[in-house]
Each structure stands twice: as C-alpha cells, then as structure tokens.
Amino acid sequence: MKDLSRRNFLRHTALTGLGLATAGTLSSYYNAGPKMRFGLVTYQWGRDWDLPTLIANCAKTGLWGIELRTQHAHKVEINLSAAQRIEVKKRFADSPVTCIGYGSNFEYHSPDPVELQKNIEQTKAYIRLCKDIGATGIKVKPNNLPAGVPREKTIAQIAASFNEVGKFAKNLGQLVRVEVHGNLTQEIPNMKAIFDQVTEPNVKICWNCNPEDLLPPGLEANFNSVKKWFGDTVHVRELNIGDYPYQQLMNLFTSMKYNGWILLEARTEPKDRVAAMKEQLAVFNEMVAKAQRK
C-alpha cells in the first residue's frame, strides 16, 4: 500500500467501505488501464448539499468525480477569497473525489455585443476559479441560434468566443467543455458547424444525451461526426429511465476507447439520493461490462 498515492490510498479505503459491491475488485480497478469513470453533476441530486456533504456522499457511493454546478449550496463561486479557494482545493485533495470542473451557464450567441462580452469576461473569471480550486476546466454552452440573425453569423460568433476563452484557458492549463445544449445548437450538425471553426485544441465537446442526437441519420452517425472533438466529460441522465439508447452510447464510447468521465446529471427526485447514486453506478458498470464483451 505504501507505493500508492494519497488519493489512491483514500480511494482504496472508499472501495473497502463500499464492500467493492459496485466497483469490482481492487486488483481489477488498479489494473484496468484506460477506462470510463462515473461521476456526478450537482445539477439536481447535489444542489442542496454543502461542499463537505457533497464530497462525502460521492466518496461513499463510488462516484469519484464532481462537476460543480453554479448557484448551488456548495457555494463555490468567484466571490471566494484566495484562502477559501485553497480550502476547496484541499478538501478535494484530502478525499478520493476529483474536482473535475465547474458547470457554468455562460453562453455566446447573443446579438448584443455588450451581453456577449459580459459572458466572455465572466467565463474568464470562472476559469481562474477552476485553476485555483484544482479543477481542470469549465463547462459552457452555445445555447441558441437567434431568430432574425443569419445562422452562419451566430455560428461564427460562438466559435470565435470559444476560441477566445479557449486561448485564455490554455494559458492556465484548463479545458473549455462545450455542452451540446440549447435551442437549435443542440442539433449535432449545428454543433459540428461551430466546431469546424474552433481552432483552440483545449475547447472540447461534452456530449449531452439529447433527443436530437437520434435525429436522422441516427445516433451512431451523429456521434461519429463530432467524436474527434470529444473531451473528457459526458453528461447522462438516469441510465435506466427513459428511452435514450444508453447501451448503444456506451458501446460507441467503449469502441473508441474513451477515457473520460461519464457524469450523471440526474433529473428525478428519489427519496434517498445516496442509494440512487449507488444504483446508477451499478447500472453504469453493467452497461460498460456489456459493451466490453461485444
């Protein structure tokens, strides 16, 4: 055990506490090599947990990655002092849980130049926060193609904004994770049109499991059309609820040897969220195992 890092030691302890029920044996965990990992977006299930509770609940359930959502009870925002930012970073470092990044609502489609610049500058401020708390990137959105504005103009504006914040983030060692989101912009051909103009290599797509993914020519073709821009995060909803073809999605990610985080952005309201997190991890592990057997 002495040759394990502190984080891996903590992770070993967490696995033992879980009885290895959802994570497999320790030997398989440490020898598995590149693999998808399961974590949590605090969007719903973590919205009212303070930071210590959030980290503790993720540790006890085996969801070892967190994307912190803005305006939630953990209160990790840009008003934190330098000392408070160090404390947030230390809380994660002293746990088996990784602070993956920050989930913002910044968007770059507005035809109002003042509004656009406000979103860009706020993005930069939160990228600094990500750096200070030990995260690796920020999540942003395109979010719309406004009526009355030529589509090509808005697409070029969004891409240029991504390039600007991407360049800023690169200098701080951060990623810009673009959630496939918004009216019209969540349609995969429009997302592809945006990324055809993105030049900064640290600006990446965060697949978001929208119904629009299934529009003709279908999930696999849409997936393949943008997969070269995938980063290290994917958002999913409850894997065993609804009709989104999550098993097919896991097959696609497994076939491309994806080595990132699959993050649960839950939408339901279970009575016991900790138990529900454990259940989702078990479903995820089963889907991945099935994909690997193909």
C-alpha atoms as a PDB file:
ATOM      1  CA  MET A   1       0.000   0.000   0.000  1.00  0.00           C
ATOM      2  CA  LYS A   2       2.922   2.366   0.671  1.00  0.00           C
ATOM      3  CA  ASP A   3       3.556   2.841  -3.058  1.00  0.00           C
ATOM      4  CA  LEU A   4       0.034   4.202  -3.672  1.00  0.00           C
ATOM      5  CA  SER A   5      -0.542   7.917  -3.898  1.00  0.00           C
ATOM      6  CA  ARG A   6      -2.553   9.578  -1.158  1.00  0.00           C
ATOM      7  CA  ARG A   7      -5.568   9.824  -3.452  1.00  0.00           C
ATOM      8  CA  ASN A   8      -5.344   6.150  -4.405  1.00  0.00           C
ATOM      9  CA  PHE A   9      -4.981   5.232  -0.742  1.00  0.00           C
ATOM     10  CA  LEU A  10      -8.156   7.163   0.022  1.00  0.00           C
ATOM     11  CA  ARG A  11      -9.833   5.564  -2.945  1.00  0.00           C
ATOM     12  CA  HIS A  12      -8.781   2.124  -1.687  1.00  0.00           C
ATOM     13  CA  THR A  13     -10.371   2.951   1.664  1.00  0.00           C
ATOM     14  CA  ALA A  14     -13.570   4.112  -0.035  1.00  0.00           C
ATOM     15  CA  LEU A  15     -13.732   0.922  -2.080  1.00  0.00           C
ATOM     16  CA  THR A  16     -13.300  -1.146   1.056  1.00  0.00           C
ATOM     17  CA  GLY A  17     -16.081   0.811   2.728  1.00  0.00           C
ATOM     18  CA  LEU A  18     -18.347   0.102  -0.208  1.00  0.00           C
ATOM     19  CA  GLY A  19     -17.593  -3.579   0.092  1.00  0.00           C
ATOM     20  CA  LEU A  20     -16.464  -3.421  -3.557  1.00  0.00           C
ATOM     21  CA  ALA A  21     -20.112  -4.006  -4.433  1.00  0.00           C
ATOM     22  CA  THR A  22     -20.231  -1.556  -7.304  1.00  0.00           C
ATOM     23  CA  ALA A  23     -16.628  -1.076  -8.281  1.00  0.00           C
ATOM     24  CA  GLY A  24     -15.220  -4.562  -8.726  1.00  0.00           C
ATOM     25  CA  THR A  25     -12.115  -5.909  -7.032  1.00  0.00           C
ATOM     26  CA  LEU A  26      -9.150  -3.727  -6.161  1.00  0.00           C
ATOM     27  CA  SER A  27      -6.906  -5.659  -8.491  1.00  0.00           C
ATOM     28  CA  SER A  28      -9.235  -5.141 -11.433  1.00  0.00           C
ATOM     29  CA  TYR A  29      -9.593  -1.455 -10.542  1.00  0.00           C
ATOM     30  CA  TYR A  30      -5.866  -0.733 -10.498  1.00  0.00           C
ATOM     31  CA  ASN A  31      -5.019  -2.942 -13.489  1.00  0.00           C
ATOM     32  CA  ALA A  32      -7.899  -1.999 -15.750  1.00  0.00           C
ATOM     33  CA  GLY A  33      -5.929   0.632 -17.643  1.00  0.00           C
ATOM     34  CA  PRO A  34      -7.810   3.335 -19.571  1.00  0.00           C
ATOM     35  CA  LYS A  35     -11.478   3.276 -18.721  1.00  0.00           C
ATOM     36  CA  MET A  36     -14.581   5.390 -18.435  1.00  0.00           C
ATOM     37  CA  ARG A  37     -15.278   6.695 -14.966  1.00  0.00           C
ATOM     38  CA  PHE A  38     -18.611   7.627 -13.398  1.00  0.00           C
ATOM     39  CA  GLY A  39     -19.222  10.875 -11.571  1.00  0.00           C
ATOM     40  CA  LEU A  40     -21.850  13.471 -10.680  1.00  0.00           C
ATOM     41  CA  VAL A  41     -23.038  16.813 -11.968  1.00  0.00           C
ATOM     42  CA  THR A  42     -24.561  18.607  -8.986  1.00  0.00           C
ATOM     43  CA  TYR A  43     -27.450  19.864 -11.137  1.00  0.00           C
ATOM     44  CA  GLN A  44     -30.218  18.134  -9.147  1.00  0.00           C
ATOM     45  CA  TRP A  45     -29.038  15.480  -6.745  1.00  0.00           C
ATOM     46  CA  GLY A  46     -26.269  17.606  -5.273  1.00  0.00           C
ATOM     47  CA  ARG A  47     -27.904  21.012  -5.486  1.00  0.00           C
ATOM     48  CA  ASP A  48     -28.642  21.391  -1.753  1.00  0.00           C
ATOM     49  CA  TRP A  49     -25.537  19.708  -0.299  1.00  0.00           C
ATOM     50  CA  ASP A  50     -22.769  21.849   1.097  1.00  0.00           C
ATOM     51  CA  LEU A  51     -19.276  21.001  -0.098  1.00  0.00           C
ATOM     52  CA  PRO A  52     -18.278  18.612   2.737  1.00  0.00           C
ATOM     53  CA  THR A  53     -21.576  16.706   2.351  1.00  0.00           C
ATOM     54  CA  LEU A  54     -21.261  16.605  -1.427  1.00  0.00           C
ATOM     55  CA  ILE A  55     -17.747  15.175  -1.295  1.00  0.00           C
ATOM     56  CA  ALA A  56     -18.670  12.687   1.440  1.00  0.00           C
ATOM     57  CA  ASN A  57     -21.719  11.406  -0.442  1.00  0.00           C
ATOM     58  CA  CYS A  58     -19.754  10.953  -3.645  1.00  0.00           C
ATOM     59  CA  ALA A  59     -16.999   9.151  -1.761  1.00  0.00           C
ATOM     60  CA  LYS A  60     -19.381   6.732  -0.057  1.00  0.00           C
ATOM     61  CA  THR A  61     -21.191   5.906  -3.305  1.00  0.00           C
ATOM     62  CA  GLY A  62     -18.142   5.499  -5.548  1.00  0.00           C
ATOM     63  CA  LEU A  63     -18.908   8.483  -7.779  1.00  0.00           C
ATOM     64  CA  TRP A  64     -15.390   9.832  -7.655  1.00  0.00           C
ATOM     65  CA  GLY A  65     -15.726  12.842  -9.900  1.00  0.00           C
ATOM     66  CA  ILE A  66     -17.769  16.013  -9.441  1.00  0.00           C
ATOM     67  CA  GLU A  67     -18.705  18.831 -11.800  1.00  0.00           C
ATOM     68  CA  LEU A  68     -19.720  21.677  -9.517  1.00  0.00           C
ATOM     69  CA  ARG A  69     -22.813  23.443 -10.794  1.00  0.00           C
ATOM     70  CA  THR A  70     -23.116  27.194 -10.396  1.00  0.00           C
ATOM     71  CA  GLN A  71     -25.547  28.722  -7.857  1.00  0.00           C
ATOM     72  CA  HIS A  72     -25.793  25.586  -5.721  1.00  0.00           C
ATOM     73  CA  ALA A  73     -25.428  25.017  -1.997  1.00  0.00           C
ATOM     74  CA  HIS A  74     -21.738  24.158  -2.191  1.00  0.00           C
ATOM     75  CA  LYS A  75     -21.204  27.895  -2.949  1.00  0.00           C
ATOM     76  CA  VAL A  76     -18.033  27.557  -4.988  1.00  0.00           C
ATOM     77  CA  GLU A  77     -18.191  30.882  -6.810  1.00  0.00           C
ATOM     78  CA  ILE A  78     -15.805  33.672  -7.798  1.00  0.00           C
ATOM     79  CA  ASN A  79     -16.505  35.587  -4.593  1.00  0.00           C
ATOM     80  CA  LEU A  80     -14.323  33.096  -2.702  1.00  0.00           C
ATOM     81  CA  SER A  81     -11.156  34.587  -1.262  1.00  0.00           C
ATOM     82  CA  ALA A  82      -7.738  33.187  -2.084  1.00  0.00           C
ATOM     83  CA  ALA A  83      -7.721  31.346   1.255  1.00  0.00           C
ATOM     84  CA  GLN A  84     -11.177  29.891   0.635  1.00  0.00           C
ATOM     85  CA  ARG A  85     -10.132  28.671  -2.799  1.00  0.00           C
ATOM     86  CA  ILE A  86      -7.165  26.905  -1.260  1.00  0.00           C
ATOM     87  CA  GLU A  87      -9.522  25.295   1.262  1.00  0.00           C
ATOM     88  CA  VAL A  88     -11.780  23.979  -1.514  1.00  0.00           C
ATOM     89  CA  LYS A  89      -8.761  22.532  -3.305  1.00  0.00           C
ATOM     90  CA  LYS A  90      -7.558  20.911  -0.078  1.00  0.00           C
ATOM     91  CA  ARG A  91     -10.951  19.336   0.636  1.00  0.00           C
ATOM     92  CA  PHE A  92     -10.798  17.511  -2.673  1.00  0.00           C
ATOM     93  CA  ALA A  93      -7.110  16.638  -2.320  1.00  0.00           C
ATOM     94  CA  ASP A  94      -7.810  15.089   1.079  1.00  0.00           C
ATOM     95  CA  SER A  95     -10.580  12.908  -0.359  1.00  0.00           C
ATOM     96  CA  PRO A  96     -10.845  10.193  -3.022  1.00  0.00           C
ATOM     97  CA  VAL A  97     -13.045  12.535  -5.074  1.00  0.00           C
ATOM     98  CA  THR A  98     -11.809  14.557  -8.065  1.00  0.00           C
ATOM     99  CA  CYS A  99     -12.991  18.092  -8.720  1.00  0.00           C
ATOM    100  CA  ILE A 100     -13.421  17.765 -12.473  1.00  0.00           C
ATOM    101  CA  GLY A 101     -14.572  21.259 -13.170  1.00  0.00           C
ATOM    102  CA  TYR A 102     -17.205  23.904 -12.992  1.00  0.00           C
ATOM    103  CA  GLY A 103     -20.612  23.856 -14.668  1.00  0.00           C
ATOM    104  CA  SER A 104     -21.417  27.401 -15.748  1.00  0.00           C
ATOM    105  CA  ASN A 105     -24.296  28.904 -17.695  1.00  0.00           C
ATOM    106  CA  PHE A 106     -22.169  31.178 -19.861  1.00  0.00           C
ATOM    107  CA  GLU A 107     -23.298  31.401 -23.479  1.00  0.00           C
ATOM    108  CA  TYR A 108     -22.127  33.267 -26.573  1.00  0.00           C
ATOM    109  CA  HIS A 109     -24.996  33.561 -29.018  1.00  0.00           C
ATOM    110  CA  SER A 110     -26.427  36.960 -28.070  1.00  0.00           C
ATOM    111  CA  PRO A 111     -26.524  39.539 -30.875  1.00  0.00           C
ATOM    112  CA  ASP A 112     -25.984  42.205 -28.198  1.00  0.00           C
ATOM    113  CA  PRO A 113     -22.199  42.839 -28.100  1.00  0.00           C
ATOM    114  CA  VAL A 114     -22.350  44.050 -24.501  1.00  0.00           C
ATOM    115  CA  GLU A 115     -24.090  40.871 -23.365  1.00  0.00           C
ATOM    116  CA  LEU A 116     -21.659  38.750 -25.356  1.00  0.00           C
ATOM    117  CA  GLN A 117     -18.626  40.423 -23.828  1.00  0.00           C
ATOM    118  CA  LYS A 118     -20.096  40.072 -20.343  1.00  0.00           C
ATOM    119  CA  ASN A 119     -20.373  36.309 -20.826  1.00  0.00           C
ATOM    120  CA  ILE A 120     -16.820  36.076 -22.136  1.00  0.00           C
ATOM    121  CA  GLU A 121     -15.335  38.057 -19.250  1.00  0.00           C
ATOM    122  CA  GLN A 122     -17.311  36.109 -16.659  1.00  0.00           C
ATOM    123  CA  THR A 123     -16.117  32.884 -18.251  1.00  0.00           C
ATOM    124  CA  LYS A 124     -12.533  34.006 -17.795  1.00  0.00           C
ATOM    125  CA  ALA A 125     -13.144  34.839 -14.140  1.00  0.00           C
ATOM    126  CA  TYR A 126     -14.521  31.353 -13.513  1.00  0.00           C
ATOM    127  CA  ILE A 127     -11.648  29.762 -15.409  1.00  0.00           C
ATOM    128  CA  ARG A 128      -9.359  31.399 -12.862  1.00  0.00           C
ATOM    129  CA  LEU A 129     -11.531  29.900 -10.125  1.00  0.00           C
ATOM    130  CA  CYS A 130     -11.195  26.448 -11.729  1.00  0.00           C
ATOM    131  CA  LYS A 131      -7.428  26.810 -11.698  1.00  0.00           C
ATOM    132  CA  ASP A 132      -7.399  27.923  -8.060  1.00  0.00           C
ATOM    133  CA  ILE A 133      -9.548  25.049  -6.755  1.00  0.00           C
ATOM    134  CA  GLY A 134      -7.629  22.344  -8.603  1.00  0.00           C
ATOM    135  CA  ALA A 135     -10.219  21.667 -11.303  1.00  0.00           C
ATOM    136  CA  THR A 136      -9.308  21.052 -14.942  1.00  0.00           C
ATOM    137  CA  GLY A 137     -11.909  23.016 -16.840  1.00  0.00           C
ATOM    138  CA  ILE A 138     -15.171  24.883 -17.197  1.00  0.00           C
ATOM    139  CA  LYS A 139     -18.425  23.812 -18.834  1.00  0.00           C
ATOM    140  CA  VAL A 140     -20.104  26.385 -21.100  1.00  0.00           C
ATOM    141  CA  LYS A 141     -22.939  26.382 -23.663  1.00  0.00           C
ATOM    142  CA  PRO A 142     -23.647  27.696 -27.143  1.00  0.00           C
ATOM    143  CA  ASN A 143     -27.388  27.824 -26.286  1.00  0.00           C
ATOM    144  CA  ASN A 144     -29.254  29.302 -29.260  1.00  0.00           C
ATOM    145  CA  LEU A 145     -29.310  30.443 -32.855  1.00  0.00           C
ATOM    146  CA  PRO A 146     -31.479  33.580 -32.506  1.00  0.00           C
ATOM    147  CA  ALA A 147     -34.238  34.236 -34.990  1.00  0.00           C
ATOM    148  CA  GLY A 148     -33.610  37.202 -37.234  1.00  0.00           C
ATOM    149  CA  VAL A 149     -29.843  36.693 -37.270  1.00  0.00           C
ATOM    150  CA  PRO A 150     -28.210  34.742 -40.106  1.00  0.00           C
ATOM    151  CA  ARG A 151     -27.325  31.319 -38.760  1.00  0.00           C
ATOM    152  CA  GLU A 152     -23.825  31.476 -40.208  1.00  0.00           C
ATOM    153  CA  LYS A 153     -23.160  34.740 -38.366  1.00  0.00           C
ATOM    154  CA  THR A 154     -24.153  33.337 -34.974  1.00  0.00           C
ATOM    155  CA  ILE A 155     -22.220  30.112 -35.549  1.00  0.00           C
ATOM    156  CA  ALA A 156     -19.094  32.124 -36.391  1.00  0.00           C
ATOM    157  CA  GLN A 157     -19.618  34.323 -33.311  1.00  0.00           C
ATOM    158  CA  ILE A 158     -19.977  31.330 -30.991  1.00  0.00           C
ATOM    159  CA  ALA A 159     -16.872  29.671 -32.443  1.00  0.00           C
ATOM    160  CA  ALA A 160     -14.862  32.892 -32.126  1.00  0.00           C
ATOM    161  CA  SER A 161     -15.951  33.187 -28.492  1.00  0.00           C
ATOM    162  CA  PHE A 162     -14.876  29.615 -27.820  1.00  0.00           C
ATOM    163  CA  ASN A 163     -11.512  30.397 -29.348  1.00  0.00           C
ATOM    164  CA  GLU A 164     -11.090  33.482 -27.165  1.00  0.00           C
ATOM    165  CA  VAL A 165     -11.950  31.776 -23.891  1.00  0.00           C
ATOM    166  CA  GLY A 166     -10.066  28.673 -25.016  1.00  0.00           C
ATOM    167  CA  LYS A 167      -6.873  30.625 -25.529  1.00  0.00           C
ATOM    168  CA  PHE A 168      -7.274  32.190 -22.085  1.00  0.00           C
ATOM    169  CA  ALA A 169      -7.950  28.800 -20.507  1.00  0.00           C
ATOM    170  CA  LYS A 170      -4.994  27.180 -22.229  1.00  0.00           C
ATOM    171  CA  ASN A 171      -2.625  29.615 -20.529  1.00  0.00           C
ATOM    172  CA  LEU A 172      -4.000  28.397 -17.183  1.00  0.00           C
ATOM    173  CA  GLY A 173      -3.890  24.705 -18.104  1.00  0.00           C
ATOM    174  CA  GLN A 174      -7.672  24.449 -18.315  1.00  0.00           C
ATOM    175  CA  LEU A 175     -10.174  22.922 -20.727  1.00  0.00           C
ATOM    176  CA  VAL A 176     -13.302  24.568 -22.106  1.00  0.00           C
ATOM    177  CA  ARG A 177     -16.016  21.900 -22.209  1.00  0.00           C
ATOM    178  CA  VAL A 178     -18.860  22.800 -24.538  1.00  0.00           C
ATOM    179  CA  GLU A 179     -22.123  21.137 -23.563  1.00  0.00           C
ATOM    180  CA  VAL A 180     -24.278  20.136 -26.525  1.00  0.00           C
ATOM    181  CA  HIS A 181     -27.153  22.334 -25.400  1.00  0.00           C
ATOM    182  CA  GLY A 182     -29.700  24.913 -26.421  1.00  0.00           C
ATOM    183  CA  ASN A 183     -32.340  25.721 -28.975  1.00  0.00           C
ATOM    184  CA  LEU A 184     -31.039  24.525 -32.367  1.00  0.00           C
ATOM    185  CA  THR A 185     -27.429  24.440 -31.117  1.00  0.00           C
ATOM    186  CA  GLN A 186     -28.030  21.015 -29.561  1.00  0.00           C
ATOM    187  CA  GLU A 187     -28.654  19.611 -33.014  1.00  0.00           C
ATOM    188  CA  ILE A 188     -25.468  17.798 -33.920  1.00  0.00           C
ATOM    189  CA  PRO A 189     -24.996  19.300 -37.429  1.00  0.00           C
ATOM    190  CA  ASN A 190     -25.079  22.780 -35.887  1.00  0.00           C
ATOM    191  CA  MET A 191     -22.597  21.774 -33.205  1.00  0.00           C
ATOM    192  CA  LYS A 192     -20.345  20.377 -35.915  1.00  0.00           C
ATOM    193  CA  ALA A 193     -20.631  23.641 -37.872  1.00  0.00           C
ATOM    194  CA  ILE A 194     -19.466  25.530 -34.775  1.00  0.00           C
ATOM    195  CA  PHE A 195     -16.527  23.219 -34.120  1.00  0.00           C
ATOM    196  CA  ASP A 196     -15.455  23.337 -37.738  1.00  0.00           C
ATOM    197  CA  GLN A 197     -14.418  26.903 -36.861  1.00  0.00           C
ATOM    198  CA  VAL A 198     -12.901  26.183 -33.437  1.00  0.00           C
ATOM    199  CA  THR A 199      -9.111  26.370 -33.584  1.00  0.00           C
ATOM    200  CA  GLU A 200      -8.110  26.069 -29.913  1.00  0.00           C
ATOM    201  CA  PRO A 201      -7.297  22.417 -29.116  1.00  0.00           C
ATOM    202  CA  ASN A 202      -8.412  22.693 -25.480  1.00  0.00           C
ATOM    203  CA  VAL A 203     -12.007  23.507 -26.477  1.00  0.00           C
ATOM    204  CA  LYS A 204     -13.887  20.206 -26.394  1.00  0.00           C
ATOM    205  CA  ILE A 205     -17.390  18.835 -26.835  1.00  0.00           C
ATOM    206  CA  CYS A 206     -19.319  17.495 -23.844  1.00  0.00           C
ATOM    207  CA  TRP A 207     -21.896  15.060 -25.264  1.00  0.00           C
ATOM    208  CA  ASN A 208     -25.209  15.687 -23.503  1.00  0.00           C
ATOM    209  CA  CYS A 209     -27.600  12.833 -24.433  1.00  0.00           C
ATOM    210  CA  ASN A 210     -30.334  14.931 -26.022  1.00  0.00           C
ATOM    211  CA  PRO A 211     -33.263  13.539 -28.033  1.00  0.00           C
ATOM    212  CA  GLU A 212     -31.826  15.456 -31.006  1.00  0.00           C
ATOM    213  CA  ASP A 213     -28.893  13.012 -31.043  1.00  0.00           C
ATOM    214  CA  LEU A 214     -31.287  10.474 -32.549  1.00  0.00           C
ATOM    215  CA  LEU A 215     -32.417  12.598 -35.480  1.00  0.00           C
ATOM    216  CA  PRO A 216     -31.514  11.278 -38.941  1.00  0.00           C
ATOM    217  CA  PRO A 217     -29.002   9.889 -39.760  1.00  0.00           C
ATOM    218  CA  GLY A 218     -29.162   8.444 -36.226  1.00  0.00           C
ATOM    219  CA  LEU A 219     -27.095   8.182 -33.064  1.00  0.00           C
ATOM    220  CA  GLU A 220     -24.034   6.422 -34.438  1.00  0.00           C
ATOM    221  CA  ALA A 221     -23.638   8.707 -37.451  1.00  0.00           C
ATOM    222  CA  ASN A 222     -24.200  11.851 -35.378  1.00  0.00           C
ATOM    223  CA  PHE A 223     -21.779  10.592 -32.727  1.00  0.00           C
ATOM    224  CA  ASN A 224     -19.097   9.838 -35.293  1.00  0.00           C
ATOM    225  CA  SER A 225     -19.491  13.236 -36.961  1.00  0.00           C
ATOM    226  CA  VAL A 226     -18.206  15.077 -33.865  1.00  0.00           C
ATOM    227  CA  LYS A 227     -16.273  12.497 -31.843  1.00  0.00           C
ATOM    228  CA  LYS A 228     -12.885  13.932 -32.854  1.00  0.00           C
ATOM    229  CA  TRP A 229     -13.713  16.926 -30.659  1.00  0.00           C
ATOM    230  CA  PHE A 230     -14.798  14.975 -27.570  1.00  0.00           C
ATOM    231  CA  GLY A 231     -13.119  15.990 -24.360  1.00  0.00           C
ATOM    232  CA  ASP A 232     -13.108  14.223 -21.016  1.00  0.00           C
ATOM    233  CA  THR A 233     -16.718  14.738 -19.910  1.00  0.00           C
ATOM    234  CA  VAL A 234     -20.108  13.384 -20.982  1.00  0.00           C
ATOM    235  CA  HIS A 235     -23.465  14.213 -19.391  1.00  0.00           C
ATOM    236  CA  VAL A 236     -26.067  11.484 -18.992  1.00  0.00           C
ATOM    237  CA  ARG A 237     -29.426  11.291 -17.285  1.00  0.00           C
ATOM    238  CA  GLU A 238     -30.581   8.288 -15.245  1.00  0.00           C
ATOM    239  CA  LEU A 239     -29.319   5.332 -17.250  1.00  0.00           C
ATOM    240  CA  ASN A 240     -32.315   3.091 -16.534  1.00  0.00           C
ATOM    241  CA  ILE A 241     -35.082   5.652 -17.113  1.00  0.00           C
ATOM    242  CA  GLY A 242     -36.482   6.839 -20.432  1.00  0.00           C
ATOM    243  CA  ASP A 243     -35.834   5.658 -23.957  1.00  0.00           C
ATOM    244  CA  TYR A 244     -32.437   7.171 -24.766  1.00  0.00           C
ATOM    245  CA  PRO A 245     -30.256   4.293 -26.080  1.00  0.00           C
ATOM    246  CA  TYR A 246     -27.625   4.420 -23.352  1.00  0.00           C
ATOM    247  CA  GLN A 247     -26.339   0.921 -24.018  1.00  0.00           C
ATOM    248  CA  GLN A 248     -25.641   1.849 -27.624  1.00  0.00           C
ATOM    249  CA  LEU A 249     -23.918   5.010 -26.403  1.00  0.00           C
ATOM    250  CA  MET A 250     -21.693   3.019 -24.028  1.00  0.00           C
ATOM    251  CA  ASN A 251     -20.885   0.676 -26.900  1.00  0.00           C
ATOM    252  CA  LEU A 252     -19.785   3.646 -29.017  1.00  0.00           C
ATOM    253  CA  PHE A 253     -17.630   5.146 -26.272  1.00  0.00           C
ATOM    254  CA  THR A 254     -16.094   1.771 -25.498  1.00  0.00           C
ATOM    255  CA  SER A 255     -15.278   1.156 -29.157  1.00  0.00           C
ATOM    256  CA  MET A 256     -13.368   4.460 -29.349  1.00  0.00           C
ATOM    257  CA  LYS A 257     -11.532   3.620 -26.088  1.00  0.00           C
ATOM    258  CA  TYR A 258     -12.930   6.704 -24.392  1.00  0.00           C
ATOM    259  CA  ASN A 259     -11.029   7.520 -21.226  1.00  0.00           C
ATOM    260  CA  GLY A 260     -13.070  10.223 -19.560  1.00  0.00           C
ATOM    261  CA  TRP A 261     -15.864  10.926 -17.141  1.00  0.00           C
ATOM    262  CA  ILE A 262     -19.482   9.911 -17.640  1.00  0.00           C
ATOM    263  CA  LEU A 263     -21.262  12.399 -15.378  1.00  0.00           C
ATOM    264  CA  LEU A 264     -24.755  11.846 -14.014  1.00  0.00           C
ATOM    265  CA  GLU A 265     -26.916  14.935 -14.484  1.00  0.00           C
ATOM    266  CA  ALA A 266     -29.960  13.439 -12.783  1.00  0.00           C
ATOM    267  CA  ARG A 267     -33.464  14.849 -13.182  1.00  0.00           C
ATOM    268  CA  THR A 268     -35.630  12.712 -10.896  1.00  0.00           C
ATOM    269  CA  GLU A 269     -36.315  13.243  -7.185  1.00  0.00           C
ATOM    270  CA  PRO A 270     -35.601   9.952  -5.363  1.00  0.00           C
ATOM    271  CA  LYS A 271     -36.257   9.828  -1.628  1.00  0.00           C
ATOM    272  CA  ASP A 272     -32.749   8.502  -0.998  1.00  0.00           C
ATOM    273  CA  ARG A 273     -30.298  10.154  -3.380  1.00  0.00           C
ATOM    274  CA  VAL A 274     -27.284   8.323  -1.975  1.00  0.00           C
ATOM    275  CA  ALA A 275     -28.947   4.962  -2.635  1.00  0.00           C
ATOM    276  CA  ALA A 276     -29.948   6.189  -6.096  1.00  0.00           C
ATOM    277  CA  MET A 277     -26.347   7.168  -6.845  1.00  0.00           C
ATOM    278  CA  LYS A 278     -25.188   3.665  -5.922  1.00  0.00           C
ATOM    279  CA  GLU A 279     -27.884   2.202  -8.163  1.00  0.00           C
ATOM    280  CA  GLN A 280     -26.818   4.352 -11.117  1.00  0.00           C
ATOM    281  CA  LEU A 281     -23.188   3.335 -10.662  1.00  0.00           C
ATOM    282  CA  ALA A 282     -24.215  -0.326 -10.730  1.00  0.00           C
ATOM    283  CA  VAL A 283     -26.210   0.227 -13.944  1.00  0.00           C
ATOM    284  CA  PHE A 284     -23.251   2.072 -15.473  1.00  0.00           C
ATOM    285  CA  ASN A 285     -20.817  -0.712 -14.587  1.00  0.00           C
ATOM    286  CA  GLU A 286     -23.158  -3.309 -16.060  1.00  0.00           C
ATOM    287  CA  MET A 287     -23.509  -1.353 -19.307  1.00  0.00           C
ATOM    288  CA  VAL A 288     -19.759  -0.872 -19.642  1.00  0.00           C
ATOM    289  CA  ALA A 289     -19.111  -4.553 -18.966  1.00  0.00           C
ATOM    290  CA  LYS A 290     -21.662  -5.499 -21.615  1.00  0.00           C
ATOM    291  CA  ALA A 291     -20.047  -3.099 -24.100  1.00  0.00           C
ATOM    292  CA  GLN A 292     -16.630  -4.573 -23.421  1.00  0.00           C
ATOM    293  CA  ARG A 293     -17.909  -8.072 -24.137  1.00  0.00           C
ATOM    294  CA  LYS A 294     -19.074  -7.139 -27.627  1.00  0.00           C
END
